[in-house]
Amino acid sequence: MLDQGDCREADAIKLVGSEVYLKELISRGLVHKALRADSVTMVIRPTDPTLAFRDVIHEMQNRLAESSSRLIEAHKRINDIQRIFSRRMFEHDPDEAVSLMTDRDEIQSLSLSLINAAQSDFLEMHTWRFTVPLRKEESAPPPEAVVERKVRRRSVYTTEYFDNEVGYHFIQNSVASGTEVRIYRNLPMKMQLIDEDSAMLPLTPSGAAGVLLIRAPVVVKALRHYFEMVWARAAPVGTSSEVAPAPAPGLGNTPTELQLQLLKMMALGLKDESIANRTGMSLRTVRRHIATIMEMLSVETRFAAGVAAAKRGWTD
């Protein structure tokens, strides 16, 4: 129409394809009827594009804003529905103190429901036992609703996570998302705990074959007590800035905070290279600190250092 310019209505219909299309163009203000200068002939004239499309774009903006509002409202409703589902799923029923689940989809749904239902605490223990290799893509941040409720999230990972590239990726993501992370040697099992209400335990080392959902208050309380014991003995994991290299090691009677952290890592069986990678120190600096620690304890082996440090209460 812009190329053609003024044209009779019949010609305009042929040009745009049908009478319906022409009426639509007129209704949207993209073309309009006008009299020629002779004031006799009625023609179809295209509107200036700057003016014609201003209303179209404005309409599209309004529809986009409306869609965005509906999307936000939909997310809010999904969160409300999830909370209702989680509350009903974890209502205490004396006849269902322990439930068995073997379907993988149900297990994944249960795990998600556990963290979504948490109100104050969500606790996890992770062993390095899988039926299929762990992948970085499986690491996901906690749900926004859980973060907004300021649920305290704590995770204990077995030492293998700390020494494995994919495993350490999981640890880094957990720390970055605000989860408190510690590592512990030879964790016996995987576990999830929600507040003091429910716990999920695996039937097999990997947990893929089935899980137990436990709601019995006495059992859940005992598992929570066990978690706290492991948590107290596990070594904290933070960012590199939190374990930044200290000045050259001295020979005082008491270890520095950094040396205490190195002792805990040594007690967990971490190699010098792993400690250097995770703390940001050079391998030479790590070995200097370890040599200083062993000299302070008057021992010659790492095992002896662990025993001597435990006797002095340095690794409690």
C-alpha atoms as a PDB file:
ATOM      1  CA  MET A   1       0.000   0.000   0.000  1.00  0.00           C
ATOM      2  CA  LEU A   2       2.896   2.369   0.763  1.00  0.00           C
ATOM      3  CA  ASP A   3       4.439   1.640  -2.641  1.00  0.00           C
ATOM      4  CA  GLN A   4       1.090   1.953  -4.447  1.00  0.00           C
ATOM      5  CA  GLY A   5      -0.126   5.133  -2.809  1.00  0.00           C
ATOM      6  CA  ASP A   6      -3.733   6.278  -3.349  1.00  0.00           C
ATOM      7  CA  CYS A   7      -5.917   3.660  -5.015  1.00  0.00           C
ATOM      8  CA  ARG A   8      -9.563   2.861  -5.461  1.00  0.00           C
ATOM      9  CA  GLU A   9     -11.192   0.514  -2.940  1.00  0.00           C
ATOM     10  CA  ALA A  10     -11.520  -2.355  -5.455  1.00  0.00           C
ATOM     11  CA  ASP A  11      -7.828  -2.059  -6.317  1.00  0.00           C
ATOM     12  CA  ALA A  12      -6.907  -1.926  -2.625  1.00  0.00           C
ATOM     13  CA  ILE A  13      -8.819  -5.170  -1.970  1.00  0.00           C
ATOM     14  CA  LYS A  14      -6.899  -6.911  -4.725  1.00  0.00           C
ATOM     15  CA  LEU A  15      -3.656  -5.470  -3.399  1.00  0.00           C
ATOM     16  CA  VAL A  16      -4.050  -6.681   0.199  1.00  0.00           C
ATOM     17  CA  GLY A  17      -5.750  -9.968  -0.673  1.00  0.00           C
ATOM     18  CA  SER A  18      -9.339  -9.632   0.525  1.00  0.00           C
ATOM     19  CA  GLU A  19     -12.015  -7.225   1.727  1.00  0.00           C
ATOM     20  CA  VAL A  20     -11.607  -8.595   5.268  1.00  0.00           C
ATOM     21  CA  TYR A  21      -7.921  -7.671   5.313  1.00  0.00           C
ATOM     22  CA  LEU A  22      -8.681  -4.183   4.052  1.00  0.00           C
ATOM     23  CA  LYS A  23     -11.310  -3.631   6.738  1.00  0.00           C
ATOM     24  CA  GLU A  24      -8.797  -4.798   9.353  1.00  0.00           C
ATOM     25  CA  LEU A  25      -6.216  -2.337   8.073  1.00  0.00           C
ATOM     26  CA  ILE A  26      -8.769   0.468   8.192  1.00  0.00           C
ATOM     27  CA  SER A  27      -9.915  -0.480  11.700  1.00  0.00           C
ATOM     28  CA  ARG A  28      -6.318  -0.428  12.934  1.00  0.00           C
ATOM     29  CA  GLY A  29      -5.695   2.982  11.336  1.00  0.00           C
ATOM     30  CA  LEU A  30      -2.985   1.698   9.019  1.00  0.00           C
ATOM     31  CA  VAL A  31      -4.937   2.962   5.978  1.00  0.00           C
ATOM     32  CA  HIS A  32      -7.909   5.288   5.659  1.00  0.00           C
ATOM     33  CA  LYS A  33     -10.448   6.545   3.149  1.00  0.00           C
ATOM     34  CA  ALA A  34      -9.828  10.007   1.752  1.00  0.00           C
ATOM     35  CA  LEU A  35     -11.042  12.321  -1.008  1.00  0.00           C
ATOM     36  CA  ARG A  36      -8.622  13.338  -3.690  1.00  0.00           C
ATOM     37  CA  ALA A  37      -7.931  16.967  -4.383  1.00  0.00           C
ATOM     38  CA  ASP A  38     -10.752  16.987  -6.930  1.00  0.00           C
ATOM     39  CA  SER A  39     -13.109  16.313  -3.974  1.00  0.00           C
ATOM     40  CA  VAL A  40     -14.957  13.732  -6.047  1.00  0.00           C
ATOM     41  CA  THR A  41     -12.951  10.502  -6.058  1.00  0.00           C
ATOM     42  CA  MET A  42     -12.812   8.433  -2.827  1.00  0.00           C
ATOM     43  CA  VAL A  43      -9.530   6.521  -2.451  1.00  0.00           C
ATOM     44  CA  ILE A  44      -7.765   4.298   0.050  1.00  0.00           C
ATOM     45  CA  ARG A  45      -4.655   6.046   1.356  1.00  0.00           C
ATOM     46  CA  PRO A  46      -1.905   4.519   3.583  1.00  0.00           C
ATOM     47  CA  THR A  47      -1.314   6.309   6.865  1.00  0.00           C
ATOM     48  CA  ASP A  48       2.070   7.753   7.812  1.00  0.00           C
ATOM     49  CA  PRO A  49       3.893   4.724   9.382  1.00  0.00           C
ATOM     50  CA  THR A  50       5.127   6.797  12.324  1.00  0.00           C
ATOM     51  CA  LEU A  51       1.535   7.482  13.328  1.00  0.00           C
ATOM     52  CA  ALA A  52       0.048   4.207  12.089  1.00  0.00           C
ATOM     53  CA  PHE A  53       2.224   1.865  14.117  1.00  0.00           C
ATOM     54  CA  ARG A  54       2.292   3.952  17.297  1.00  0.00           C
ATOM     55  CA  ASP A  55      -1.119   2.635  18.323  1.00  0.00           C
ATOM     56  CA  VAL A  56      -0.226  -0.920  17.275  1.00  0.00           C
ATOM     57  CA  ILE A  57       2.951  -0.885  19.363  1.00  0.00           C
ATOM     58  CA  HIS A  58       1.097   0.672  22.283  1.00  0.00           C
ATOM     59  CA  GLU A  59      -1.483  -2.110  22.121  1.00  0.00           C
ATOM     60  CA  MET A  60       1.253  -4.740  22.034  1.00  0.00           C
ATOM     61  CA  GLN A  61       2.922  -3.129  25.071  1.00  0.00           C
ATOM     62  CA  ASN A  62      -0.348  -3.246  26.975  1.00  0.00           C
ATOM     63  CA  ARG A  63      -0.825  -6.916  26.119  1.00  0.00           C
ATOM     64  CA  LEU A  64       2.770  -7.684  27.152  1.00  0.00           C
ATOM     65  CA  ALA A  65       2.302  -5.904  30.488  1.00  0.00           C
ATOM     66  CA  GLU A  66      -0.914  -7.830  31.072  1.00  0.00           C
ATOM     67  CA  SER A  67       0.820 -11.132  30.241  1.00  0.00           C
ATOM     68  CA  SER A  68       3.675 -10.301  32.630  1.00  0.00           C
ATOM     69  CA  SER A  69       1.221  -9.574  35.422  1.00  0.00           C
ATOM     70  CA  ARG A  70      -0.575 -12.847  34.792  1.00  0.00           C
ATOM     71  CA  LEU A  71       2.749 -14.708  34.774  1.00  0.00           C
ATOM     72  CA  ILE A  72       3.749 -13.202  38.130  1.00  0.00           C
ATOM     73  CA  GLU A  73       0.358 -14.083  39.567  1.00  0.00           C
ATOM     74  CA  ALA A  74       0.688 -17.633  38.221  1.00  0.00           C
ATOM     75  CA  HIS A  75       4.047 -18.077  39.987  1.00  0.00           C
ATOM     76  CA  LYS A  76       2.505 -16.864  43.253  1.00  0.00           C
ATOM     77  CA  ARG A  77      -0.367 -19.299  42.902  1.00  0.00           C
ATOM     78  CA  ILE A  78       2.030 -22.171  42.142  1.00  0.00           C
ATOM     79  CA  ASN A  79       3.932 -21.403  45.358  1.00  0.00           C
ATOM     80  CA  ASP A  80       0.657 -21.339  47.318  1.00  0.00           C
ATOM     81  CA  ILE A  81      -0.408 -24.665  45.790  1.00  0.00           C
ATOM     82  CA  GLN A  82       3.020 -26.178  46.550  1.00  0.00           C
ATOM     83  CA  ARG A  83       2.746 -25.137  50.219  1.00  0.00           C
ATOM     84  CA  ILE A  84      -0.739 -26.647  50.492  1.00  0.00           C
ATOM     85  CA  PHE A  85       0.503 -29.867  48.879  1.00  0.00           C
ATOM     86  CA  SER A  86       3.538 -30.016  51.158  1.00  0.00           C
ATOM     87  CA  ARG A  87       1.484 -29.405  54.322  1.00  0.00           C
ATOM     88  CA  ARG A  88      -0.934 -32.187  53.449  1.00  0.00           C
ATOM     89  CA  MET A  89       1.890 -34.508  52.455  1.00  0.00           C
ATOM     90  CA  PHE A  90       3.604 -34.091  55.793  1.00  0.00           C
ATOM     91  CA  GLU A  91       0.628 -34.091  58.134  1.00  0.00           C
ATOM     92  CA  HIS A  92       1.349 -36.465  60.966  1.00  0.00           C
ATOM     93  CA  ASP A  93      -0.679 -39.609  60.650  1.00  0.00           C
ATOM     94  CA  PRO A  94      -0.150 -42.294  63.325  1.00  0.00           C
ATOM     95  CA  ASP A  95      -0.842 -44.977  60.744  1.00  0.00           C
ATOM     96  CA  GLU A  96       1.820 -43.641  58.370  1.00  0.00           C
ATOM     97  CA  ALA A  97       4.783 -43.002  60.666  1.00  0.00           C
ATOM     98  CA  VAL A  98       7.010 -44.642  58.041  1.00  0.00           C
ATOM     99  CA  SER A  99       6.289 -44.756  54.291  1.00  0.00           C
ATOM    100  CA  LEU A 100       8.176 -46.701  51.636  1.00  0.00           C
ATOM    101  CA  MET A 101       8.722 -45.261  48.150  1.00  0.00           C
ATOM    102  CA  THR A 102      10.424 -47.078  45.281  1.00  0.00           C
ATOM    103  CA  ASP A 103       9.261 -45.123  42.226  1.00  0.00           C
ATOM    104  CA  ARG A 104      12.027 -42.758  41.054  1.00  0.00           C
ATOM    105  CA  ASP A 105       9.623 -40.008  39.997  1.00  0.00           C
ATOM    106  CA  GLU A 106       7.899 -40.135  43.373  1.00  0.00           C
ATOM    107  CA  ILE A 107      11.274 -39.998  45.127  1.00  0.00           C
ATOM    108  CA  GLN A 108      12.301 -36.892  43.162  1.00  0.00           C
ATOM    109  CA  SER A 109       8.928 -35.277  43.846  1.00  0.00           C
ATOM    110  CA  LEU A 110       9.278 -36.098  47.533  1.00  0.00           C
ATOM    111  CA  SER A 111      12.766 -34.588  47.712  1.00  0.00           C
ATOM    112  CA  LEU A 112      11.480 -31.360  46.126  1.00  0.00           C
ATOM    113  CA  SER A 113       8.461 -31.313  48.423  1.00  0.00           C
ATOM    114  CA  LEU A 114      10.708 -31.712  51.453  1.00  0.00           C
ATOM    115  CA  ILE A 115      12.689 -28.563  50.795  1.00  0.00           C
ATOM    116  CA  ASN A 116       9.571 -26.606  49.729  1.00  0.00           C
ATOM    117  CA  ALA A 117       7.839 -27.528  52.982  1.00  0.00           C
ATOM    118  CA  ALA A 118      10.727 -26.418  55.201  1.00  0.00           C
ATOM    119  CA  GLN A 119       9.891 -23.550  57.523  1.00  0.00           C
ATOM    120  CA  SER A 120      13.038 -23.172  59.638  1.00  0.00           C
ATOM    121  CA  ASP A 121      15.619 -25.886  58.847  1.00  0.00           C
ATOM    122  CA  PHE A 122      16.549 -28.086  55.911  1.00  0.00           C
ATOM    123  CA  LEU A 123      19.425 -30.498  56.541  1.00  0.00           C
ATOM    124  CA  GLU A 124      21.190 -32.878  54.160  1.00  0.00           C
ATOM    125  CA  MET A 125      23.944 -35.486  54.237  1.00  0.00           C
ATOM    126  CA  HIS A 126      25.564 -36.455  50.918  1.00  0.00           C
ATOM    127  CA  THR A 127      27.614 -39.597  50.332  1.00  0.00           C
ATOM    128  CA  TRP A 128      29.594 -40.291  47.166  1.00  0.00           C
ATOM    129  CA  ARG A 129      27.457 -43.232  46.069  1.00  0.00           C
ATOM    130  CA  PHE A 130      25.503 -43.153  42.809  1.00  0.00           C
ATOM    131  CA  THR A 131      24.051 -45.591  40.293  1.00  0.00           C
ATOM    132  CA  VAL A 132      24.998 -43.176  37.484  1.00  0.00           C
ATOM    133  CA  PRO A 133      27.845 -40.594  37.529  1.00  0.00           C
ATOM    134  CA  LEU A 134      27.043 -37.217  39.056  1.00  0.00           C
ATOM    135  CA  ARG A 135      26.789 -34.339  36.553  1.00  0.00           C
ATOM    136  CA  LYS A 136      27.334 -30.610  37.064  1.00  0.00           C
ATOM    137  CA  GLU A 137      23.980 -29.877  35.403  1.00  0.00           C
ATOM    138  CA  GLU A 138      22.183 -31.565  38.293  1.00  0.00           C
ATOM    139  CA  SER A 139      23.294 -28.872  40.721  1.00  0.00           C
ATOM    140  CA  ALA A 140      20.376 -26.472  41.282  1.00  0.00           C
ATOM    141  CA  PRO A 141      19.786 -23.483  43.599  1.00  0.00           C
ATOM    142  CA  PRO A 142      17.196 -23.738  46.396  1.00  0.00           C
ATOM    143  CA  PRO A 143      13.609 -22.619  45.607  1.00  0.00           C
ATOM    144  CA  GLU A 144      13.072 -18.858  45.907  1.00  0.00           C
ATOM    145  CA  ALA A 145      10.256 -19.334  48.412  1.00  0.00           C
ATOM    146  CA  VAL A 146      12.614 -21.200  50.754  1.00  0.00           C
ATOM    147  CA  VAL A 147      15.197 -18.425  50.471  1.00  0.00           C
ATOM    148  CA  GLU A 148      12.536 -15.777  51.135  1.00  0.00           C
ATOM    149  CA  ARG A 149      11.407 -17.647  54.265  1.00  0.00           C
ATOM    150  CA  LYS A 150      15.053 -17.553  55.423  1.00  0.00           C
ATOM    151  CA  VAL A 151      15.143 -21.297  55.997  1.00  0.00           C
ATOM    152  CA  ARG A 152      18.525 -22.289  57.414  1.00  0.00           C
ATOM    153  CA  ARG A 153      20.059 -24.774  54.990  1.00  0.00           C
ATOM    154  CA  ARG A 154      22.942 -26.976  56.097  1.00  0.00           C
ATOM    155  CA  SER A 155      24.670 -29.714  54.107  1.00  0.00           C
ATOM    156  CA  VAL A 156      27.383 -32.179  55.059  1.00  0.00           C
ATOM    157  CA  TYR A 157      29.314 -33.675  52.141  1.00  0.00           C
ATOM    158  CA  THR A 158      31.651 -36.640  52.310  1.00  0.00           C
ATOM    159  CA  THR A 159      35.326 -35.976  51.596  1.00  0.00           C
ATOM    160  CA  GLU A 160      35.091 -37.390  48.045  1.00  0.00           C
ATOM    161  CA  TYR A 161      33.074 -34.335  46.976  1.00  0.00           C
ATOM    162  CA  PHE A 162      35.940 -32.105  48.043  1.00  0.00           C
ATOM    163  CA  ASP A 163      38.492 -34.053  45.976  1.00  0.00           C
ATOM    164  CA  ASN A 164      36.341 -34.448  42.827  1.00  0.00           C
ATOM    165  CA  GLU A 165      35.862 -31.714  40.204  1.00  0.00           C
ATOM    166  CA  VAL A 166      32.115 -32.339  39.772  1.00  0.00           C
ATOM    167  CA  GLY A 167      31.634 -32.845  43.496  1.00  0.00           C
ATOM    168  CA  TYR A 168      33.450 -29.622  44.324  1.00  0.00           C
ATOM    169  CA  HIS A 169      31.239 -27.837  41.785  1.00  0.00           C
ATOM    170  CA  PHE A 170      28.245 -28.922  43.903  1.00  0.00           C
ATOM    171  CA  ILE A 171      29.938 -27.616  47.040  1.00  0.00           C
ATOM    172  CA  GLN A 172      30.739 -24.264  45.418  1.00  0.00           C
ATOM    173  CA  ASN A 173      27.158 -23.833  44.194  1.00  0.00           C
ATOM    174  CA  SER A 174      25.781 -24.698  47.630  1.00  0.00           C
ATOM    175  CA  VAL A 175      28.026 -22.148  49.326  1.00  0.00           C
ATOM    176  CA  ALA A 176      27.177 -19.514  46.690  1.00  0.00           C
ATOM    177  CA  SER A 177      23.436 -20.043  47.259  1.00  0.00           C
ATOM    178  CA  GLY A 178      23.795 -19.393  51.003  1.00  0.00           C
ATOM    179  CA  THR A 179      23.847 -22.996  52.214  1.00  0.00           C
ATOM    180  CA  GLU A 180      26.184 -23.711  55.133  1.00  0.00           C
ATOM    181  CA  VAL A 181      28.497 -26.514  54.037  1.00  0.00           C
ATOM    182  CA  ARG A 182      30.824 -28.841  55.918  1.00  0.00           C
ATOM    183  CA  ILE A 183      32.775 -31.943  54.921  1.00  0.00           C
ATOM    184  CA  TYR A 184      33.129 -35.169  56.854  1.00  0.00           C
ATOM    185  CA  ARG A 185      35.037 -38.362  56.270  1.00  0.00           C
ATOM    186  CA  ASN A 186      33.143 -41.622  55.692  1.00  0.00           C
ATOM    187  CA  LEU A 187      29.528 -40.514  56.004  1.00  0.00           C
ATOM    188  CA  PRO A 188      27.444 -43.674  56.537  1.00  0.00           C
ATOM    189  CA  MET A 189      24.358 -42.680  54.561  1.00  0.00           C
ATOM    190  CA  LYS A 190      22.469 -40.022  52.671  1.00  0.00           C
ATOM    191  CA  MET A 191      19.742 -38.173  54.541  1.00  0.00           C
ATOM    192  CA  GLN A 192      17.336 -35.249  54.317  1.00  0.00           C
ATOM    193  CA  LEU A 193      15.689 -33.654  57.340  1.00  0.00           C
ATOM    194  CA  ILE A 194      12.959 -31.025  57.347  1.00  0.00           C
ATOM    195  CA  ASP A 195      12.674 -29.022  60.581  1.00  0.00           C
ATOM    196  CA  GLU A 196      11.935 -31.638  63.248  1.00  0.00           C
ATOM    197  CA  ASP A 197       8.983 -33.102  61.371  1.00  0.00           C
ATOM    198  CA  SER A 198      10.176 -35.484  58.660  1.00  0.00           C
ATOM    199  CA  ALA A 199      13.218 -37.338  57.378  1.00  0.00           C
ATOM    200  CA  MET A 200      14.091 -39.206  54.186  1.00  0.00           C
ATOM    201  CA  LEU A 201      16.529 -42.129  54.315  1.00  0.00           C
ATOM    202  CA  PRO A 202      17.740 -44.362  51.450  1.00  0.00           C
ATOM    203  CA  LEU A 203      17.158 -48.105  51.372  1.00  0.00           C
ATOM    204  CA  THR A 204      20.417 -48.608  49.452  1.00  0.00           C
ATOM    205  CA  PRO A 205      23.718 -46.667  49.495  1.00  0.00           C
ATOM    206  CA  SER A 206      22.762 -44.675  46.383  1.00  0.00           C
ATOM    207  CA  GLY A 207      19.120 -44.178  47.355  1.00  0.00           C
ATOM    208  CA  ALA A 208      17.981 -44.936  43.795  1.00  0.00           C
ATOM    209  CA  ALA A 209      16.179 -48.194  44.649  1.00  0.00           C
ATOM    210  CA  GLY A 210      13.917 -46.674  47.276  1.00  0.00           C
ATOM    211  CA  VAL A 211      13.616 -44.398  50.296  1.00  0.00           C
ATOM    212  CA  LEU A 212      11.864 -44.296  53.641  1.00  0.00           C
ATOM    213  CA  LEU A 213       9.845 -41.214  54.543  1.00  0.00           C
ATOM    214  CA  ILE A 214       9.839 -41.060  58.328  1.00  0.00           C
ATOM    215  CA  ARG A 215       7.356 -38.937  60.271  1.00  0.00           C
ATOM    216  CA  ALA A 216       7.615 -40.645  63.656  1.00  0.00           C
ATOM    217  CA  PRO A 217       8.657 -37.790  66.013  1.00  0.00           C
ATOM    218  CA  VAL A 218      10.937 -39.972  68.170  1.00  0.00           C
ATOM    219  CA  VAL A 219      12.882 -41.297  65.169  1.00  0.00           C
ATOM    220  CA  VAL A 220      13.097 -37.889  63.475  1.00  0.00           C
ATOM    221  CA  LYS A 221      14.393 -36.345  66.697  1.00  0.00           C
ATOM    222  CA  ALA A 222      17.069 -39.062  66.991  1.00  0.00           C
ATOM    223  CA  LEU A 223      18.161 -38.504  63.375  1.00  0.00           C
ATOM    224  CA  ARG A 224      18.314 -34.756  63.991  1.00  0.00           C
ATOM    225  CA  HIS A 225      20.500 -35.371  67.037  1.00  0.00           C
ATOM    226  CA  TYR A 226      22.787 -37.577  64.924  1.00  0.00           C
ATOM    227  CA  PHE A 227      23.049 -34.901  62.231  1.00  0.00           C
ATOM    228  CA  GLU A 228      24.044 -32.294  64.817  1.00  0.00           C
ATOM    229  CA  MET A 229      26.783 -34.619  66.128  1.00  0.00           C
ATOM    230  CA  VAL A 230      28.196 -35.055  62.622  1.00  0.00           C
ATOM    231  CA  TRP A 231      27.852 -31.324  61.937  1.00  0.00           C
ATOM    232  CA  ALA A 232      29.850 -30.450  65.043  1.00  0.00           C
ATOM    233  CA  ARG A 233      32.711 -32.733  63.968  1.00  0.00           C
ATOM    234  CA  ALA A 234      32.720 -31.796  60.278  1.00  0.00           C
ATOM    235  CA  ALA A 235      35.090 -29.237  58.779  1.00  0.00           C
ATOM    236  CA  PRO A 236      33.527 -25.948  57.597  1.00  0.00           C
ATOM    237  CA  VAL A 237      33.795 -25.015  53.928  1.00  0.00           C
ATOM    238  CA  GLY A 238      33.695 -21.410  52.814  1.00  0.00           C
ATOM    239  CA  THR A 239      34.974 -19.169  50.058  1.00  0.00           C
ATOM    240  CA  SER A 240      38.632 -18.738  49.315  1.00  0.00           C
ATOM    241  CA  SER A 241      38.599 -15.357  51.102  1.00  0.00           C
ATOM    242  CA  GLU A 242      37.492 -17.051  54.309  1.00  0.00           C
ATOM    243  CA  VAL A 243      40.540 -19.303  54.300  1.00  0.00           C
ATOM    244  CA  ALA A 244      43.019 -16.852  52.830  1.00  0.00           C
ATOM    245  CA  PRO A 245      46.702 -17.604  53.339  1.00  0.00           C
ATOM    246  CA  ALA A 246      48.079 -16.438  56.682  1.00  0.00           C
ATOM    247  CA  PRO A 247      51.496 -14.878  57.205  1.00  0.00           C
ATOM    248  CA  ALA A 248      54.520 -17.136  57.403  1.00  0.00           C
ATOM    249  CA  PRO A 249      53.864 -19.779  60.070  1.00  0.00           C
ATOM    250  CA  GLY A 250      55.339 -19.258  63.486  1.00  0.00           C
ATOM    251  CA  LEU A 251      56.112 -21.621  66.320  1.00  0.00           C
ATOM    252  CA  GLY A 252      53.774 -20.390  69.051  1.00  0.00           C
ATOM    253  CA  ASN A 253      52.174 -22.645  71.643  1.00  0.00           C
ATOM    254  CA  THR A 254      48.724 -22.392  70.057  1.00  0.00           C
ATOM    255  CA  PRO A 255      47.786 -22.828  66.377  1.00  0.00           C
ATOM    256  CA  THR A 256      46.321 -20.038  64.291  1.00  0.00           C
ATOM    257  CA  GLU A 257      42.769 -20.250  62.976  1.00  0.00           C
ATOM    258  CA  LEU A 258      44.141 -21.206  59.562  1.00  0.00           C
ATOM    259  CA  GLN A 259      46.293 -23.957  61.048  1.00  0.00           C
ATOM    260  CA  LEU A 260      43.257 -25.354  62.864  1.00  0.00           C
ATOM    261  CA  GLN A 261      41.382 -25.496  59.548  1.00  0.00           C
ATOM    262  CA  LEU A 262      44.331 -27.257  57.931  1.00  0.00           C
ATOM    263  CA  LEU A 263      44.393 -29.773  60.791  1.00  0.00           C
ATOM    264  CA  LYS A 264      40.729 -30.594  60.206  1.00  0.00           C
ATOM    265  CA  MET A 265      41.341 -31.041  56.491  1.00  0.00           C
ATOM    266  CA  MET A 266      44.308 -33.296  57.230  1.00  0.00           C
ATOM    267  CA  ALA A 267      42.143 -35.318  59.636  1.00  0.00           C
ATOM    268  CA  LEU A 268      39.630 -35.801  56.822  1.00  0.00           C
ATOM    269  CA  GLY A 269      42.354 -37.367  54.690  1.00  0.00           C
ATOM    270  CA  LEU A 270      42.683 -34.545  52.138  1.00  0.00           C
ATOM    271  CA  LYS A 271      45.916 -34.447  50.175  1.00  0.00           C
ATOM    272  CA  ASP A 272      48.206 -31.405  50.134  1.00  0.00           C
ATOM    273  CA  GLU A 273      47.215 -30.656  46.520  1.00  0.00           C
ATOM    274  CA  SER A 274      43.494 -30.676  47.372  1.00  0.00           C
ATOM    275  CA  ILE A 275      44.023 -28.405  50.368  1.00  0.00           C
ATOM    276  CA  ALA A 276      46.002 -25.984  48.204  1.00  0.00           C
ATOM    277  CA  ASN A 277      43.339 -25.932  45.476  1.00  0.00           C
ATOM    278  CA  ARG A 278      40.464 -25.368  47.892  1.00  0.00           C
ATOM    279  CA  THR A 279      42.134 -22.717  50.071  1.00  0.00           C
ATOM    280  CA  GLY A 280      43.818 -20.719  47.325  1.00  0.00           C
ATOM    281  CA  MET A 281      47.263 -21.219  48.829  1.00  0.00           C
ATOM    282  CA  SER A 282      50.275 -22.493  46.944  1.00  0.00           C
ATOM    283  CA  LEU A 283      51.313 -26.083  47.501  1.00  0.00           C
ATOM    284  CA  ARG A 284      54.569 -24.862  49.042  1.00  0.00           C
ATOM    285  CA  THR A 285      52.702 -22.664  51.556  1.00  0.00           C
ATOM    286  CA  VAL A 286      50.405 -25.537  52.536  1.00  0.00           C
ATOM    287  CA  ARG A 287      53.364 -27.805  53.154  1.00  0.00           C
ATOM    288  CA  ARG A 288      55.127 -25.130  55.192  1.00  0.00           C
ATOM    289  CA  HIS A 289      52.070 -24.771  57.423  1.00  0.00           C
ATOM    290  CA  ILE A 290      51.747 -28.536  57.802  1.00  0.00           C
ATOM    291  CA  ALA A 291      55.435 -28.831  58.655  1.00  0.00           C
ATOM    292  CA  THR A 292      55.000 -26.117  61.277  1.00  0.00           C
ATOM    293  CA  ILE A 293      51.966 -27.880  62.760  1.00  0.00           C
ATOM    294  CA  MET A 294      53.843 -31.169  63.006  1.00  0.00           C
ATOM    295  CA  GLU A 295      56.797 -29.405  64.625  1.00  0.00           C
ATOM    296  CA  MET A 296      54.470 -27.749  67.152  1.00  0.00           C
ATOM    297  CA  LEU A 297      53.053 -31.191  67.996  1.00  0.00           C
ATOM    298  CA  SER A 298      56.505 -32.848  67.994  1.00  0.00           C
ATOM    299  CA  VAL A 299      55.385 -35.605  65.623  1.00  0.00           C
ATOM    300  CA  GLU A 300      56.673 -36.984  62.341  1.00  0.00           C
ATOM    301  CA  THR A 301      53.556 -38.378  60.617  1.00  0.00           C
ATOM    302  CA  ARG A 302      50.112 -37.046  59.741  1.00  0.00           C
ATOM    303  CA  PHE A 303      48.451 -39.824  61.730  1.00  0.00           C
ATOM    304  CA  ALA A 304      50.442 -38.905  64.803  1.00  0.00           C
ATOM    305  CA  ALA A 305      49.593 -35.245  64.217  1.00  0.00           C
ATOM    306  CA  GLY A 306      45.901 -36.095  64.199  1.00  0.00           C
ATOM    307  CA  VAL A 307      46.176 -38.060  67.450  1.00  0.00           C
ATOM    308  CA  ALA A 308      48.218 -35.346  69.169  1.00  0.00           C
ATOM    309  CA  ALA A 309      45.899 -32.573  67.956  1.00  0.00           C
ATOM    310  CA  ALA A 310      42.840 -34.502  69.194  1.00  0.00           C
ATOM    311  CA  LYS A 311      44.433 -34.946  72.633  1.00  0.00           C
ATOM    312  CA  ARG A 312      44.971 -31.191  72.845  1.00  0.00           C
ATOM    313  CA  GLY A 313      41.404 -30.512  71.738  1.00  0.00           C
ATOM    314  CA  TRP A 314      42.475 -28.753  68.542  1.00  0.00           C
ATOM    315  CA  THR A 315      40.227 -30.807  66.249  1.00  0.00           C
ATOM    316  CA  ASP A 316      37.048 -30.845  68.385  1.00  0.00           C
END
